[in-house]
Amino acid sequence: MVKTTLAFVCALCVAIVAPIAAEDRPLVRFNGGIGVIPVSNVIQTVAGGPVTVNRNIVNGVNSPGQIWVIKALKAEVSNDGQIKVRGRGLLLGGGNGIGTNANQKVFATLFCGGVAHSTATNNVPNGVPLEANGDFRIDDVLDNLPLPDPCTSPILLIRSTGGSWFAAGIVKHDEDK
């Protein structure tokens, strides 16, 4: 009888704790960032002929007119839409403003299977200002909820309030250390 009661109590604990633990796991994590190169390719079909320049567009989001670099990026999105992003060194990588933040404000957009889930960030409707060294923090909740679980083909874009994307996160897989 004691063994049966103990087995029942253990099963009950697992039934209660397992869903709570599942909710605590992040939906998706990102570790590392890629700065934007605004042009994806240039094509000249015949010498001296017209040149076609293809913009670096990701899921319908245009790139800016200049190269941007990012030193580090970490992000975590939970099932309930909570998003935390820490970026370091998001700065212009070319032009006369090279090495500056160009007075930009940023926000994050998560794409799951091509569907956008965005945030204005930290209850600041026009994004979070980049620090002089390009550092920024986003602590907020994504809109366009609920988020799909699993989030297929996740893409995290760091965007300017003008809409262009400046950097993208690198997905951290469970097997990554």
C-alpha atoms as a PDB file:
ATOM      1  CA  MET A   1       0.000   0.000   0.000  1.00  0.00           C
ATOM      2  CA  VAL A   2       2.828   2.422   0.859  1.00  0.00           C
ATOM      3  CA  LYS A   3       4.582   1.603  -2.449  1.00  0.00           C
ATOM      4  CA  THR A   4       1.361   2.175  -4.379  1.00  0.00           C
ATOM      5  CA  THR A   5       0.748   5.502  -2.643  1.00  0.00           C
ATOM      6  CA  LEU A   6       4.366   6.572  -3.239  1.00  0.00           C
ATOM      7  CA  ALA A   7       4.143   5.612  -6.926  1.00  0.00           C
ATOM      8  CA  PHE A   8       0.895   7.600  -7.255  1.00  0.00           C
ATOM      9  CA  VAL A   9       2.428  10.677  -5.584  1.00  0.00           C
ATOM     10  CA  CYS A  10       5.492  10.476  -7.860  1.00  0.00           C
ATOM     11  CA  ALA A  11       3.299  10.179 -10.970  1.00  0.00           C
ATOM     12  CA  LEU A  12       1.220  13.145  -9.816  1.00  0.00           C
ATOM     13  CA  CYS A  13       4.357  15.256  -9.275  1.00  0.00           C
ATOM     14  CA  VAL A  14       5.627  14.435 -12.774  1.00  0.00           C
ATOM     15  CA  ALA A  15       2.219  15.280 -14.267  1.00  0.00           C
ATOM     16  CA  ILE A  16       2.264  18.682 -12.546  1.00  0.00           C
ATOM     17  CA  VAL A  17       5.942  19.599 -13.012  1.00  0.00           C
ATOM     18  CA  ALA A  18       6.394  18.493 -16.659  1.00  0.00           C
ATOM     19  CA  PRO A  19       4.026  21.097 -18.156  1.00  0.00           C
ATOM     20  CA  ILE A  20       5.534  23.840 -15.985  1.00  0.00           C
ATOM     21  CA  ALA A  21       9.050  22.876 -17.112  1.00  0.00           C
ATOM     22  CA  ALA A  22       7.914  22.839 -20.746  1.00  0.00           C
ATOM     23  CA  GLU A  23       6.565  26.395 -20.386  1.00  0.00           C
ATOM     24  CA  ASP A  24       9.886  27.545 -18.899  1.00  0.00           C
ATOM     25  CA  ARG A  25      11.920  26.405 -21.895  1.00  0.00           C
ATOM     26  CA  PRO A  26      12.581  29.093 -24.472  1.00  0.00           C
ATOM     27  CA  LEU A  27      10.771  28.821 -27.792  1.00  0.00           C
ATOM     28  CA  VAL A  28      13.922  29.886 -29.641  1.00  0.00           C
ATOM     29  CA  ARG A  29      17.361  31.265 -28.766  1.00  0.00           C
ATOM     30  CA  PHE A  30      19.915  33.158 -30.793  1.00  0.00           C
ATOM     31  CA  ASN A  31      23.644  33.361 -30.088  1.00  0.00           C
ATOM     32  CA  GLY A  32      25.673  35.539 -32.431  1.00  0.00           C
ATOM     33  CA  GLY A  33      24.750  38.080 -35.041  1.00  0.00           C
ATOM     34  CA  ILE A  34      25.310  38.905 -38.677  1.00  0.00           C
ATOM     35  CA  GLY A  35      25.522  42.510 -39.842  1.00  0.00           C
ATOM     36  CA  VAL A  36      23.764  43.480 -43.058  1.00  0.00           C
ATOM     37  CA  ILE A  37      25.365  43.779 -46.475  1.00  0.00           C
ATOM     38  CA  PRO A  38      22.744  45.760 -48.423  1.00  0.00           C
ATOM     39  CA  VAL A  39      23.324  44.176 -51.839  1.00  0.00           C
ATOM     40  CA  SER A  40      22.871  40.444 -52.374  1.00  0.00           C
ATOM     41  CA  ASN A  41      24.326  40.427 -55.912  1.00  0.00           C
ATOM     42  CA  VAL A  42      25.111  42.552 -58.958  1.00  0.00           C
ATOM     43  CA  ILE A  43      24.496  41.214 -62.444  1.00  0.00           C
ATOM     44  CA  GLN A  44      25.791  42.589 -65.716  1.00  0.00           C
ATOM     45  CA  THR A  45      24.652  40.304 -68.525  1.00  0.00           C
ATOM     46  CA  VAL A  46      26.678  41.883 -71.351  1.00  0.00           C
ATOM     47  CA  ALA A  47      29.858  43.933 -71.065  1.00  0.00           C
ATOM     48  CA  GLY A  48      28.833  47.581 -71.089  1.00  0.00           C
ATOM     49  CA  GLY A  49      25.172  46.589 -70.750  1.00  0.00           C
ATOM     50  CA  PRO A  50      22.749  47.401 -67.958  1.00  0.00           C
ATOM     51  CA  VAL A  51      23.610  46.393 -64.405  1.00  0.00           C
ATOM     52  CA  THR A  52      21.036  44.818 -62.119  1.00  0.00           C
ATOM     53  CA  VAL A  53      21.520  45.285 -58.378  1.00  0.00           C
ATOM     54  CA  ASN A  54      19.529  42.985 -56.096  1.00  0.00           C
ATOM     55  CA  ARG A  55      18.822  44.284 -52.600  1.00  0.00           C
ATOM     56  CA  ASN A  56      19.351  41.967 -49.620  1.00  0.00           C
ATOM     57  CA  ILE A  57      15.686  41.482 -48.702  1.00  0.00           C
ATOM     58  CA  VAL A  58      14.720  39.037 -45.915  1.00  0.00           C
ATOM     59  CA  ASN A  59      11.053  37.970 -45.670  1.00  0.00           C
ATOM     60  CA  GLY A  60       9.991  41.176 -47.398  1.00  0.00           C
ATOM     61  CA  VAL A  61      12.111  43.446 -45.158  1.00  0.00           C
ATOM     62  CA  ASN A  62      14.528  45.702 -47.056  1.00  0.00           C
ATOM     63  CA  SER A  63      18.124  46.264 -46.086  1.00  0.00           C
ATOM     64  CA  PRO A  64      19.448  49.796 -45.462  1.00  0.00           C
ATOM     65  CA  GLY A  65      21.628  51.641 -47.945  1.00  0.00           C
ATOM     66  CA  GLN A  66      24.885  50.941 -46.083  1.00  0.00           C
ATOM     67  CA  ILE A  67      26.756  48.035 -44.473  1.00  0.00           C
ATOM     68  CA  TRP A  68      26.218  47.516 -40.723  1.00  0.00           C
ATOM     69  CA  VAL A  69      28.289  45.318 -38.395  1.00  0.00           C
ATOM     70  CA  ILE A  70      27.463  43.756 -35.042  1.00  0.00           C
ATOM     71  CA  LYS A  71      29.975  42.511 -32.489  1.00  0.00           C
ATOM     72  CA  ALA A  72      27.672  40.243 -30.434  1.00  0.00           C
ATOM     73  CA  LEU A  73      24.015  39.331 -30.113  1.00  0.00           C
ATOM     74  CA  LYS A  74      22.119  37.071 -27.722  1.00  0.00           C
ATOM     75  CA  ALA A  75      18.366  36.686 -27.723  1.00  0.00           C
ATOM     76  CA  GLU A  76      15.730  34.465 -26.184  1.00  0.00           C
ATOM     77  CA  VAL A  77      12.034  34.276 -26.998  1.00  0.00           C
ATOM     78  CA  SER A  78       9.655  32.418 -24.700  1.00  0.00           C
ATOM     79  CA  ASN A  79       6.389  30.718 -25.658  1.00  0.00           C
ATOM     80  CA  ASP A  80       4.353  33.607 -24.249  1.00  0.00           C
ATOM     81  CA  GLY A  81       6.101  36.137 -26.519  1.00  0.00           C
ATOM     82  CA  GLN A  82       8.571  37.540 -23.991  1.00  0.00           C
ATOM     83  CA  ILE A  83      11.698  38.606 -25.873  1.00  0.00           C
ATOM     84  CA  LYS A  84      15.083  39.579 -24.462  1.00  0.00           C
ATOM     85  CA  VAL A  85      17.801  40.769 -26.804  1.00  0.00           C
ATOM     86  CA  ARG A  86      21.285  41.974 -25.894  1.00  0.00           C
ATOM     87  CA  GLY A  87      23.271  43.499 -28.744  1.00  0.00           C
ATOM     88  CA  ARG A  88      26.788  44.874 -28.735  1.00  0.00           C
ATOM     89  CA  GLY A  89      28.522  47.007 -31.326  1.00  0.00           C
ATOM     90  CA  LEU A  90      25.778  47.546 -33.905  1.00  0.00           C
ATOM     91  CA  LEU A  91      27.504  50.241 -35.963  1.00  0.00           C
ATOM     92  CA  LEU A  92      27.846  51.493 -39.520  1.00  0.00           C
ATOM     93  CA  GLY A  93      30.470  49.473 -41.389  1.00  0.00           C
ATOM     94  CA  GLY A  94      31.000  51.920 -44.276  1.00  0.00           C
ATOM     95  CA  GLY A  95      30.416  55.419 -45.611  1.00  0.00           C
ATOM     96  CA  ASN A  96      31.206  58.751 -43.983  1.00  0.00           C
ATOM     97  CA  GLY A  97      29.522  57.687 -40.730  1.00  0.00           C
ATOM     98  CA  ILE A  98      31.595  54.500 -40.385  1.00  0.00           C
ATOM     99  CA  GLY A  99      31.940  53.373 -36.765  1.00  0.00           C
ATOM    100  CA  THR A 100      28.931  55.379 -35.552  1.00  0.00           C
ATOM    101  CA  ASN A 101      25.392  54.416 -34.570  1.00  0.00           C
ATOM    102  CA  ALA A 102      23.895  56.997 -36.998  1.00  0.00           C
ATOM    103  CA  ASN A 103      21.459  57.980 -34.207  1.00  0.00           C
ATOM    104  CA  GLN A 104      19.351  54.911 -34.965  1.00  0.00           C
ATOM    105  CA  LYS A 105      16.632  53.317 -32.851  1.00  0.00           C
ATOM    106  CA  VAL A 106      15.974  49.607 -33.211  1.00  0.00           C
ATOM    107  CA  PHE A 107      13.336  46.955 -32.583  1.00  0.00           C
ATOM    108  CA  ALA A 108      13.180  43.194 -33.125  1.00  0.00           C
ATOM    109  CA  THR A 109      11.132  41.071 -35.493  1.00  0.00           C
ATOM    110  CA  LEU A 110      10.939  37.293 -35.118  1.00  0.00           C
ATOM    111  CA  PHE A 111       9.801  35.300 -38.139  1.00  0.00           C
ATOM    112  CA  CYS A 112       8.448  31.791 -37.619  1.00  0.00           C
ATOM    113  CA  GLY A 113       7.888  30.078 -40.951  1.00  0.00           C
ATOM    114  CA  GLY A 114       7.730  33.458 -42.715  1.00  0.00           C
ATOM    115  CA  VAL A 115       5.158  35.026 -40.341  1.00  0.00           C
ATOM    116  CA  ALA A 116       6.336  38.226 -38.624  1.00  0.00           C
ATOM    117  CA  HIS A 117       6.043  38.772 -34.851  1.00  0.00           C
ATOM    118  CA  SER A 118       7.356  42.258 -33.976  1.00  0.00           C
ATOM    119  CA  THR A 119       7.863  44.463 -30.960  1.00  0.00           C
ATOM    120  CA  ALA A 120       8.325  48.192 -30.575  1.00  0.00           C
ATOM    121  CA  THR A 121      10.507  47.356 -27.543  1.00  0.00           C
ATOM    122  CA  ASN A 122      10.444  48.412 -23.931  1.00  0.00           C
ATOM    123  CA  ASN A 123       7.174  50.277 -24.357  1.00  0.00           C
ATOM    124  CA  VAL A 124       9.051  52.822 -26.467  1.00  0.00           C
ATOM    125  CA  PRO A 125       6.878  53.108 -29.584  1.00  0.00           C
ATOM    126  CA  ASN A 126       9.768  54.216 -31.752  1.00  0.00           C
ATOM    127  CA  GLY A 127      12.314  51.586 -30.722  1.00  0.00           C
ATOM    128  CA  VAL A 128      15.323  51.510 -28.444  1.00  0.00           C
ATOM    129  CA  PRO A 129      18.105  54.020 -29.153  1.00  0.00           C
ATOM    130  CA  LEU A 130      21.519  52.551 -29.890  1.00  0.00           C
ATOM    131  CA  GLU A 131      24.180  53.643 -27.427  1.00  0.00           C
ATOM    132  CA  ALA A 132      27.184  55.495 -28.879  1.00  0.00           C
ATOM    133  CA  ASN A 133      29.096  52.188 -29.020  1.00  0.00           C
ATOM    134  CA  GLY A 134      26.159  50.413 -30.721  1.00  0.00           C
ATOM    135  CA  ASP A 135      24.974  48.481 -27.646  1.00  0.00           C
ATOM    136  CA  PHE A 136      21.246  47.965 -26.999  1.00  0.00           C
ATOM    137  CA  ARG A 137      18.794  45.969 -24.876  1.00  0.00           C
ATOM    138  CA  ILE A 138      15.295  44.866 -25.760  1.00  0.00           C
ATOM    139  CA  ASP A 139      13.035  43.497 -22.993  1.00  0.00           C
ATOM    140  CA  ASP A 140       9.465  43.308 -24.177  1.00  0.00           C
ATOM    141  CA  VAL A 141       6.643  41.163 -25.540  1.00  0.00           C
ATOM    142  CA  LEU A 142       6.169  40.412 -29.213  1.00  0.00           C
ATOM    143  CA  ASP A 143       2.874  41.251 -30.844  1.00  0.00           C
ATOM    144  CA  ASN A 144       1.005  38.969 -33.251  1.00  0.00           C
ATOM    145  CA  LEU A 145       0.517  36.285 -30.600  1.00  0.00           C
ATOM    146  CA  PRO A 146       0.214  33.388 -30.056  1.00  0.00           C
ATOM    147  CA  LEU A 147       3.576  32.224 -31.333  1.00  0.00           C
ATOM    148  CA  PRO A 148       3.705  28.890 -33.150  1.00  0.00           C
ATOM    149  CA  ASP A 149       5.394  26.074 -31.225  1.00  0.00           C
ATOM    150  CA  PRO A 150       7.629  24.951 -32.726  1.00  0.00           C
ATOM    151  CA  CYS A 151       8.834  28.102 -34.428  1.00  0.00           C
ATOM    152  CA  THR A 152       9.857  26.722 -37.824  1.00  0.00           C
ATOM    153  CA  SER A 153      12.694  28.374 -39.737  1.00  0.00           C
ATOM    154  CA  PRO A 154      13.234  31.091 -37.083  1.00  0.00           C
ATOM    155  CA  ILE A 155      14.738  34.378 -38.225  1.00  0.00           C
ATOM    156  CA  LEU A 156      15.417  37.277 -35.853  1.00  0.00           C
ATOM    157  CA  LEU A 157      15.942  40.664 -37.472  1.00  0.00           C
ATOM    158  CA  ILE A 158      17.114  43.786 -35.675  1.00  0.00           C
ATOM    159  CA  ARG A 159      15.438  46.632 -37.526  1.00  0.00           C
ATOM    160  CA  SER A 160      15.513  50.408 -37.599  1.00  0.00           C
ATOM    161  CA  THR A 161      12.347  52.331 -36.865  1.00  0.00           C
ATOM    162  CA  GLY A 162      12.441  53.207 -40.566  1.00  0.00           C
ATOM    163  CA  GLY A 163      11.836  49.511 -41.242  1.00  0.00           C
ATOM    164  CA  SER A 164      15.169  48.309 -42.670  1.00  0.00           C
ATOM    165  CA  TRP A 165      17.013  45.404 -41.077  1.00  0.00           C
ATOM    166  CA  PHE A 166      20.519  46.031 -39.685  1.00  0.00           C
ATOM    167  CA  ALA A 167      21.434  42.646 -38.224  1.00  0.00           C
ATOM    168  CA  ALA A 168      20.178  39.080 -37.937  1.00  0.00           C
ATOM    169  CA  GLY A 169      20.511  36.589 -35.092  1.00  0.00           C
ATOM    170  CA  ILE A 170      22.139  33.162 -35.451  1.00  0.00           C
ATOM    171  CA  VAL A 171      19.859  30.403 -34.137  1.00  0.00           C
ATOM    172  CA  LYS A 172      21.237  28.542 -31.126  1.00  0.00           C
ATOM    173  CA  HIS A 173      20.326  24.888 -31.412  1.00  0.00           C
ATOM    174  CA  ASP A 174      19.896  22.688 -28.327  1.00  0.00           C
ATOM    175  CA  GLU A 175      22.995  20.696 -29.252  1.00  0.00           C
ATOM    176  CA  ASP A 176      25.138  23.878 -29.395  1.00  0.00           C
ATOM    177  CA  LYS A 177      27.268  24.322 -26.295  1.00  0.00           C
END
